[in-house]
Amino acid sequence: MYKENRKEVGTARGKIKLIESLLEGQIGMSEGLADRLLLCTTYGACTQNCPCGVRFDKIILGARAEAVRKKGLSPIKKPLLLL
């Protein structure tokens, strides 16, 4: 994603920093943050290539679950999950 938009939020490190700031209460859940969390495809390349072994896939999925708990699902996604 970084190659496409050239912004730190396009990297695993950038998203982890945003999630950390959210969990520490420095920022709140917003539509913009939710959109950034959705930029991750959970393909797993970040996890596979991380020299420190950080399980970014688990972090992003946990953050998305927290976003749903705090903000709920969008009206578009609700019917899809009820199938």
PDB file of N, CA and C in Angstrom:
ATOM      1  N   MET A   1       0.820  -1.195   0.000  1.00  0.00           N
ATOM      2  CA  MET A   1       0.000   0.000   0.000  1.00  0.00           C
ATOM      3  C   MET A   1       0.864   1.260   0.000  1.00  0.00           C
ATOM      4  N   TYR A   2       2.018   1.202   0.667  1.00  0.00           N
ATOM      5  CA  TYR A   2       2.879   2.384   0.724  1.00  0.00           C
ATOM      6  C   TYR A   2       3.316   2.802  -0.677  1.00  0.00           C
ATOM      7  N   LYS A   3       3.588   1.844  -1.530  1.00  0.00           N
ATOM      8  CA  LYS A   3       4.016   2.169  -2.891  1.00  0.00           C
ATOM      9  C   LYS A   3       2.948   2.950  -3.644  1.00  0.00           C
ATOM     10  N   GLU A   4       1.689   2.719  -3.293  1.00  0.00           N
ATOM     11  CA  GLU A   4       0.591   3.402  -3.961  1.00  0.00           C
ATOM     12  C   GLU A   4       0.374   4.821  -3.456  1.00  0.00           C
ATOM     13  N   ASN A   5       0.372   5.010  -2.128  1.00  0.00           N
ATOM     14  CA  ASN A   5       0.001   6.337  -1.612  1.00  0.00           C
ATOM     15  C   ASN A   5       1.134   7.108  -0.948  1.00  0.00           C
ATOM     16  N   ARG A   6       2.275   6.468  -0.740  1.00  0.00           N
ATOM     17  CA  ARG A   6       3.467   7.128  -0.173  1.00  0.00           C
ATOM     18  C   ARG A   6       3.200   7.801   1.169  1.00  0.00           C
ATOM     19  N   LYS A   7       2.350   7.189   1.983  1.00  0.00           N
ATOM     20  CA  LYS A   7       2.060   7.713   3.311  1.00  0.00           C
ATOM     21  C   LYS A   7       2.359   6.631   4.337  1.00  0.00           C
ATOM     22  N   GLU A   8       2.806   7.043   5.505  1.00  0.00           N
ATOM     23  CA  GLU A   8       3.164   6.105   6.563  1.00  0.00           C
ATOM     24  C   GLU A   8       1.996   5.213   6.962  1.00  0.00           C
ATOM     25  N   VAL A   9       0.765   5.724   6.860  1.00  0.00           N
ATOM     26  CA  VAL A   9      -0.393   4.896   7.212  1.00  0.00           C
ATOM     27  C   VAL A   9      -0.571   3.752   6.227  1.00  0.00           C
ATOM     28  N   GLY A  10       0.163   3.780   5.127  1.00  0.00           N
ATOM     29  CA  GLY A  10       0.126   2.691   4.168  1.00  0.00           C
ATOM     30  C   GLY A  10       1.051   1.548   4.532  1.00  0.00           C
ATOM     31  N   THR A  11       1.753   1.677   5.645  1.00  0.00           N
ATOM     32  CA  THR A  11       2.666   0.618   6.081  1.00  0.00           C
ATOM     33  C   THR A  11       2.106  -0.054   7.332  1.00  0.00           C
ATOM     34  N   ALA A  12       2.584  -1.251   7.572  1.00  0.00           N
ATOM     35  CA  ALA A  12       2.172  -1.949   8.792  1.00  0.00           C
ATOM     36  C   ALA A  12       2.572  -1.133  10.016  1.00  0.00           C
ATOM     37  N   ARG A  13       3.765  -0.589  10.009  1.00  0.00           N
ATOM     38  CA  ARG A  13       4.241   0.214  11.150  1.00  0.00           C
ATOM     39  C   ARG A  13       3.334   1.410  11.394  1.00  0.00           C
ATOM     40  N   GLY A  14       2.887   2.070  10.337  1.00  0.00           N
ATOM     41  CA  GLY A  14       2.004   3.216  10.474  1.00  0.00           C
ATOM     42  C   GLY A  14       0.650   2.840  11.047  1.00  0.00           C
ATOM     43  N   LYS A  15       0.120   1.718  10.584  1.00  0.00           N
ATOM     44  CA  LYS A  15      -1.180   1.272  11.106  1.00  0.00           C
ATOM     45  C   LYS A  15      -1.064   0.833  12.565  1.00  0.00           C
ATOM     46  N   ILE A  16       0.041   0.186  12.908  1.00  0.00           N
ATOM     47  CA  ILE A  16       0.251  -0.214  14.305  1.00  0.00           C
ATOM     48  C   ILE A  16       0.315   1.015  15.201  1.00  0.00           C
ATOM     49  N   LYS A  17       0.961   2.068  14.756  1.00  0.00           N
ATOM     50  CA  LYS A  17       1.036   3.307  15.540  1.00  0.00           C
ATOM     51  C   LYS A  17      -0.359   3.905  15.728  1.00  0.00           C
ATOM     52  N   LEU A  18      -1.170   3.900  14.681  1.00  0.00           N
ATOM     53  CA  LEU A  18      -2.537   4.404  14.810  1.00  0.00           C
ATOM     54  C   LEU A  18      -3.336   3.570  15.806  1.00  0.00           C
ATOM     55  N   ILE A  19      -3.205   2.251  15.726  1.00  0.00           N
ATOM     56  CA  ILE A  19      -3.927   1.360  16.637  1.00  0.00           C
ATOM     57  C   ILE A  19      -3.454   1.582  18.066  1.00  0.00           C
ATOM     58  N   GLU A  20      -2.149   1.737  18.249  1.00  0.00           N
ATOM     59  CA  GLU A  20      -1.594   2.000  19.577  1.00  0.00           C
ATOM     60  C   GLU A  20      -2.161   3.310  20.140  1.00  0.00           C
ATOM     61  N   SER A  21      -2.218   4.345  19.313  1.00  0.00           N
ATOM     62  CA  SER A  21      -2.760   5.637  19.752  1.00  0.00           C
ATOM     63  C   SER A  21      -4.234   5.513  20.122  1.00  0.00           C
ATOM     64  N   LEU A  22      -4.965   4.699  19.378  1.00  0.00           N
ATOM     65  CA  LEU A  22      -6.372   4.466  19.678  1.00  0.00           C
ATOM     66  C   LEU A  22      -6.516   3.768  21.030  1.00  0.00           C
ATOM     67  N   LEU A  23      -5.751   2.714  21.245  1.00  0.00           N
ATOM     68  CA  LEU A  23      -5.854   1.950  22.488  1.00  0.00           C
ATOM     69  C   LEU A  23      -5.426   2.760  23.707  1.00  0.00           C
ATOM     70  N   GLU A  24      -4.495   3.683  23.521  1.00  0.00           N
ATOM     71  CA  GLU A  24      -4.030   4.524  24.624  1.00  0.00           C
ATOM     72  C   GLU A  24      -4.932   5.739  24.841  1.00  0.00           C
ATOM     73  N   GLY A  25      -5.967   5.884  24.019  1.00  0.00           N
ATOM     74  CA  GLY A  25      -6.898   6.985  24.183  1.00  0.00           C
ATOM     75  C   GLY A  25      -6.405   8.312  23.637  1.00  0.00           C
ATOM     76  N   GLN A  26      -5.306   8.299  22.884  1.00  0.00           N
ATOM     77  CA  GLN A  26      -4.782   9.537  22.314  1.00  0.00           C
ATOM     78  C   GLN A  26      -5.623  10.021  21.139  1.00  0.00           C
ATOM     79  N   ILE A  27      -6.267   9.072  20.443  1.00  0.00           N
ATOM     80  CA  ILE A  27      -7.165   9.408  19.349  1.00  0.00           C
ATOM     81  C   ILE A  27      -8.430   8.581  19.519  1.00  0.00           C
ATOM     82  N   GLY A  28      -9.487   8.999  18.869  1.00  0.00           N
ATOM     83  CA  GLY A  28     -10.735   8.258  18.928  1.00  0.00           C
ATOM     84  C   GLY A  28     -10.997   7.545  17.614  1.00  0.00           C
ATOM     85  N   MET A  29     -11.925   6.614  17.644  1.00  0.00           N
ATOM     86  CA  MET A  29     -12.310   5.916  16.427  1.00  0.00           C
ATOM     87  C   MET A  29     -13.081   6.885  15.553  1.00  0.00           C
ATOM     88  N   SER A  30     -12.676   6.989  14.326  1.00  0.00           N
ATOM     89  CA  SER A  30     -13.321   7.886  13.375  1.00  0.00           C
ATOM     90  C   SER A  30     -13.506   7.148  12.059  1.00  0.00           C
ATOM     91  N   GLU A  31     -14.257   7.749  11.174  1.00  0.00           N
ATOM     92  CA  GLU A  31     -14.432   7.166   9.845  1.00  0.00           C
ATOM     93  C   GLU A  31     -13.092   7.080   9.122  1.00  0.00           C
ATOM     94  N   GLY A  32     -12.255   8.103   9.280  1.00  0.00           N
ATOM     95  CA  GLY A  32     -10.943   8.103   8.635  1.00  0.00           C
ATOM     96  C   GLY A  32     -10.058   6.971   9.134  1.00  0.00           C
ATOM     97  N   LEU A  33     -10.072   6.744  10.442  1.00  0.00           N
ATOM     98  CA  LEU A  33      -9.269   5.659  11.003  1.00  0.00           C
ATOM     99  C   LEU A  33      -9.811   4.317  10.535  1.00  0.00           C
ATOM    100  N   ALA A  34     -11.120   4.164  10.538  1.00  0.00           N
ATOM    101  CA  ALA A  34     -11.722   2.917  10.054  1.00  0.00           C
ATOM    102  C   ALA A  34     -11.340   2.672   8.599  1.00  0.00           C
ATOM    103  N   ASP A  35     -11.361   3.718   7.792  1.00  0.00           N
ATOM    104  CA  ASP A  35     -10.963   3.581   6.389  1.00  0.00           C
ATOM    105  C   ASP A  35      -9.510   3.129   6.273  1.00  0.00           C
ATOM    106  N   ARG A  36      -8.646   3.673   7.115  1.00  0.00           N
ATOM    107  CA  ARG A  36      -7.236   3.278   7.078  1.00  0.00           C
ATOM    108  C   ARG A  36      -7.050   1.819   7.479  1.00  0.00           C
ATOM    109  N   LEU A  37      -7.841   1.374   8.457  1.00  0.00           N
ATOM    110  CA  LEU A  37      -7.758  -0.029   8.865  1.00  0.00           C
ATOM    111  C   LEU A  37      -8.224  -0.950   7.745  1.00  0.00           C
ATOM    112  N   LEU A  38      -9.127  -0.458   6.930  1.00  0.00           N
ATOM    113  CA  LEU A  38      -9.617  -1.271   5.816  1.00  0.00           C
ATOM    114  C   LEU A  38      -8.653  -1.300   4.643  1.00  0.00           C
ATOM    115  N   LEU A  39      -7.639  -0.431   4.652  1.00  0.00           N
ATOM    116  CA  LEU A  39      -6.642  -0.463   3.580  1.00  0.00           C
ATOM    117  C   LEU A  39      -5.843  -1.770   3.592  1.00  0.00           C
ATOM    118  N   CYS A  40      -5.776  -2.405   4.738  1.00  0.00           N
ATOM    119  CA  CYS A  40      -5.058  -3.672   4.846  1.00  0.00           C
ATOM    120  C   CYS A  40      -5.917  -4.779   4.264  1.00  0.00           C
ATOM    121  N   THR A  41      -5.349  -5.558   3.375  1.00  0.00           N
ATOM    122  CA  THR A  41      -6.082  -6.659   2.757  1.00  0.00           C
ATOM    123  C   THR A  41      -5.975  -7.946   3.574  1.00  0.00           C
ATOM    124  N   THR A  42      -5.208  -7.937   4.651  1.00  0.00           N
ATOM    125  CA  THR A  42      -4.900  -9.110   5.492  1.00  0.00           C
ATOM    126  C   THR A  42      -4.318 -10.256   4.666  1.00  0.00           C
ATOM    127  N   TYR A  43      -3.625  -9.907   3.618  1.00  0.00           N
ATOM    128  CA  TYR A  43      -2.958 -10.874   2.751  1.00  0.00           C
ATOM    129  C   TYR A  43      -1.869 -11.636   3.495  1.00  0.00           C
ATOM    130  N   GLY A  44      -1.216 -10.972   4.434  1.00  0.00           N
ATOM    131  CA  GLY A  44      -0.208 -11.619   5.268  1.00  0.00           C
ATOM    132  C   GLY A  44       1.225 -11.339   4.885  1.00  0.00           C
ATOM    133  N   ALA A  45       1.448 -10.554   3.845  1.00  0.00           N
ATOM    134  CA  ALA A  45       2.816 -10.266   3.419  1.00  0.00           C
ATOM    135  C   ALA A  45       3.597  -9.522   4.501  1.00  0.00           C
ATOM    136  N   CYS A  46       2.944  -8.605   5.208  1.00  0.00           N
ATOM    137  CA  CYS A  46       3.631  -7.856   6.270  1.00  0.00           C
ATOM    138  C   CYS A  46       4.111  -8.808   7.361  1.00  0.00           C
ATOM    139  N   THR A  47       3.238  -9.730   7.745  1.00  0.00           N
ATOM    140  CA  THR A  47       3.588 -10.690   8.793  1.00  0.00           C
ATOM    141  C   THR A  47       4.725 -11.591   8.334  1.00  0.00           C
ATOM    142  N   GLN A  48       4.659 -12.056   7.104  1.00  0.00           N
ATOM    143  CA  GLN A  48       5.697 -12.941   6.572  1.00  0.00           C
ATOM    144  C   GLN A  48       7.043 -12.241   6.440  1.00  0.00           C
ATOM    145  N   ASN A  49       7.024 -10.959   6.134  1.00  0.00           N
ATOM    146  CA  ASN A  49       8.266 -10.224   5.890  1.00  0.00           C
ATOM    147  C   ASN A  49       8.800  -9.478   7.101  1.00  0.00           C
ATOM    148  N   CYS A  50       8.093  -9.513   8.218  1.00  0.00           N
ATOM    149  CA  CYS A  50       8.523  -8.768   9.396  1.00  0.00           C
ATOM    150  C   CYS A  50       9.731  -9.456  10.041  1.00  0.00           C
ATOM    151  N   PRO A  51      10.859  -8.745  10.134  1.00  0.00           N
ATOM    152  CA  PRO A  51      12.050  -9.356  10.733  1.00  0.00           C
ATOM    153  C   PRO A  51      11.897  -9.611  12.234  1.00  0.00           C
ATOM    154  N   CYS A  52      10.941  -8.955  12.877  1.00  0.00           N
ATOM    155  CA  CYS A  52      10.728  -9.128  14.320  1.00  0.00           C
ATOM    156  C   CYS A  52       9.633 -10.141  14.633  1.00  0.00           C
ATOM    157  N   GLY A  53       8.954 -10.641  13.607  1.00  0.00           N
ATOM    158  CA  GLY A  53       7.909 -11.626  13.815  1.00  0.00           C
ATOM    159  C   GLY A  53       6.597 -11.059  14.334  1.00  0.00           C
ATOM    160  N   VAL A  54       6.364  -9.768  14.117  1.00  0.00           N
ATOM    161  CA  VAL A  54       5.119  -9.142  14.574  1.00  0.00           C
ATOM    162  C   VAL A  54       3.961  -9.720  13.770  1.00  0.00           C
ATOM    163  N   ARG A  55       2.937 -10.172  14.459  1.00  0.00           N
ATOM    164  CA  ARG A  55       1.745 -10.746  13.812  1.00  0.00           C
ATOM    165  C   ARG A  55       0.776  -9.622  13.479  1.00  0.00           C
ATOM    166  N   PHE A  56       1.088  -8.882  12.443  1.00  0.00           N
ATOM    167  CA  PHE A  56       0.284  -7.739  12.060  1.00  0.00           C
ATOM    168  C   PHE A  56      -1.131  -8.156  11.689  1.00  0.00           C
ATOM    169  N   ASP A  57      -1.285  -9.330  11.104  1.00  0.00           N
ATOM    170  CA  ASP A  57      -2.621  -9.778  10.728  1.00  0.00           C
ATOM    171  C   ASP A  57      -3.534  -9.874  11.952  1.00  0.00           C
ATOM    172  N   LYS A  58      -3.007 -10.355  13.062  1.00  0.00           N
ATOM    173  CA  LYS A  58      -3.801 -10.457  14.298  1.00  0.00           C
ATOM    174  C   LYS A  58      -4.118  -9.068  14.846  1.00  0.00           C
ATOM    175  N   ILE A  59      -3.155  -8.159  14.757  1.00  0.00           N
ATOM    176  CA  ILE A  59      -3.345  -6.794  15.252  1.00  0.00           C
ATOM    177  C   ILE A  59      -4.447  -6.093  14.461  1.00  0.00           C
ATOM    178  N   ILE A  60      -4.393  -6.173  13.140  1.00  0.00           N
ATOM    179  CA  ILE A  60      -5.372  -5.459  12.318  1.00  0.00           C
ATOM    180  C   ILE A  60      -6.769  -6.058  12.487  1.00  0.00           C
ATOM    181  N   LEU A  61      -6.864  -7.378  12.588  1.00  0.00           N
ATOM    182  CA  LEU A  61      -8.179  -7.994  12.784  1.00  0.00           C
ATOM    183  C   LEU A  61      -8.761  -7.630  14.150  1.00  0.00           C
ATOM    184  N   GLY A  62      -7.919  -7.552  15.166  1.00  0.00           N
ATOM    185  CA  GLY A  62      -8.375  -7.127  16.486  1.00  0.00           C
ATOM    186  C   GLY A  62      -8.836  -5.684  16.477  1.00  0.00           C
ATOM    187  N   ALA A  63      -8.114  -4.831  15.773  1.00  0.00           N
ATOM    188  CA  ALA A  63      -8.498  -3.416  15.685  1.00  0.00           C
ATOM    189  C   ALA A  63      -9.816  -3.261  14.935  1.00  0.00           C
ATOM    190  N   ARG A  64     -10.008  -4.055  13.896  1.00  0.00           N
ATOM    191  CA  ARG A  64     -11.272  -3.992  13.160  1.00  0.00           C
ATOM    192  C   ARG A  64     -12.435  -4.449  14.041  1.00  0.00           C
ATOM    193  N   ALA A  65     -12.214  -5.489  14.836  1.00  0.00           N
ATOM    194  CA  ALA A  65     -13.256  -5.959  15.749  1.00  0.00           C
ATOM    195  C   ALA A  65     -13.604  -4.871  16.759  1.00  0.00           C
ATOM    196  N   GLU A  66     -12.596  -4.167  17.253  1.00  0.00           N
ATOM    197  CA  GLU A  66     -12.827  -3.069  18.198  1.00  0.00           C
ATOM    198  C   GLU A  66     -13.605  -1.937  17.528  1.00  0.00           C
ATOM    199  N   ALA A  67     -13.297  -1.658  16.279  1.00  0.00           N
ATOM    200  CA  ALA A  67     -14.017  -0.615  15.544  1.00  0.00           C
ATOM    201  C   ALA A  67     -15.491  -0.974  15.420  1.00  0.00           C
ATOM    202  N   VAL A  68     -15.780  -2.240  15.153  1.00  0.00           N
ATOM    203  CA  VAL A  68     -17.173  -2.673  15.048  1.00  0.00           C
ATOM    204  C   VAL A  68     -17.863  -2.560  16.401  1.00  0.00           C
ATOM    205  N   ARG A  69     -17.160  -2.920  17.480  1.00  0.00           N
ATOM    206  CA  ARG A  69     -17.747  -2.791  18.818  1.00  0.00           C
ATOM    207  C   ARG A  69     -18.071  -1.339  19.143  1.00  0.00           C
ATOM    208  N   LYS A  70     -17.192  -0.432  18.747  1.00  0.00           N
ATOM    209  CA  LYS A  70     -17.386   0.979  19.090  1.00  0.00           C
ATOM    210  C   LYS A  70     -18.341   1.703  18.149  1.00  0.00           C
ATOM    211  N   LYS A  71     -18.271   1.405  16.866  1.00  0.00           N
ATOM    212  CA  LYS A  71     -19.034   2.160  15.876  1.00  0.00           C
ATOM    213  C   LYS A  71     -20.153   1.366  15.227  1.00  0.00           C
ATOM    214  N   GLY A  72     -20.143   0.045  15.362  1.00  0.00           N
ATOM    215  CA  GLY A  72     -21.134  -0.784  14.674  1.00  0.00           C
ATOM    216  C   GLY A  72     -20.744  -0.984  13.218  1.00  0.00           C
ATOM    217  N   LEU A  73     -21.534  -1.777  12.539  1.00  0.00           N
ATOM    218  CA  LEU A  73     -21.292  -2.033  11.123  1.00  0.00           C
ATOM    219  C   LEU A  73     -21.987  -0.998  10.263  1.00  0.00           C
ATOM    220  N   SER A  74     -21.433  -0.771   9.090  1.00  0.00           N
ATOM    221  CA  SER A  74     -22.087   0.137   8.156  1.00  0.00           C
ATOM    222  C   SER A  74     -23.365  -0.524   7.655  1.00  0.00           C
ATOM    223  N   PRO A  75     -24.350   0.264   7.267  1.00  0.00           N
ATOM    224  CA  PRO A  75     -25.607  -0.303   6.754  1.00  0.00           C
ATOM    225  C   PRO A  75     -25.395  -1.206   5.543  1.00  0.00           C
ATOM    226  N   ILE A  76     -24.354  -0.973   4.799  1.00  0.00           N
ATOM    227  CA  ILE A  76     -24.063  -1.791   3.615  1.00  0.00           C
ATOM    228  C   ILE A  76     -23.579  -3.182   4.020  1.00  0.00           C
ATOM    229  N   LYS A  77     -22.777  -3.269   5.070  1.00  0.00           N
ATOM    230  CA  LYS A  77     -22.199  -4.548   5.460  1.00  0.00           C
ATOM    231  C   LYS A  77     -23.147  -5.408   6.300  1.00  0.00           C
ATOM    232  N   LYS A  78     -24.071  -4.812   6.996  1.00  0.00           N
ATOM    233  CA  LYS A  78     -24.975  -5.588   7.869  1.00  0.00           C
ATOM    234  C   LYS A  78     -25.703  -6.711   7.119  1.00  0.00           C
ATOM    235  N   PRO A  79     -26.369  -6.423   5.998  1.00  0.00           N
ATOM    236  CA  PRO A  79     -27.073  -7.509   5.296  1.00  0.00           C
ATOM    237  C   PRO A  79     -26.143  -8.617   4.821  1.00  0.00           C
ATOM    238  N   LEU A  80     -24.931  -8.275   4.453  1.00  0.00           N
ATOM    239  CA  LEU A  80     -23.977  -9.272   3.953  1.00  0.00           C
ATOM    240  C   LEU A  80     -23.591 -10.263   5.033  1.00  0.00           C
ATOM    241  N   LEU A  81     -23.479  -9.794   6.258  1.00  0.00           N
ATOM    242  CA  LEU A  81     -23.075 -10.664   7.354  1.00  0.00           C
ATOM    243  C   LEU A  81     -24.237 -11.474   7.917  1.00  0.00           C
ATOM    244  N   LEU A  82     -25.453 -11.109   7.573  1.00  0.00           N
ATOM    245  CA  LEU A  82     -26.628 -11.836   8.068  1.00  0.00           C
ATOM    246  C   LEU A  82     -27.013 -13.000   7.156  1.00  0.00           C
ATOM    247  N   LEU A  83     -26.336 -13.146   6.027  1.00  0.00           N
ATOM    248  CA  LEU A  83     -26.653 -14.244   5.093  1.00  0.00           C
ATOM    249  C   LEU A  83     -26.280 -15.588   5.670  1.00  0.00           C
TER     250      LEU A  83
END
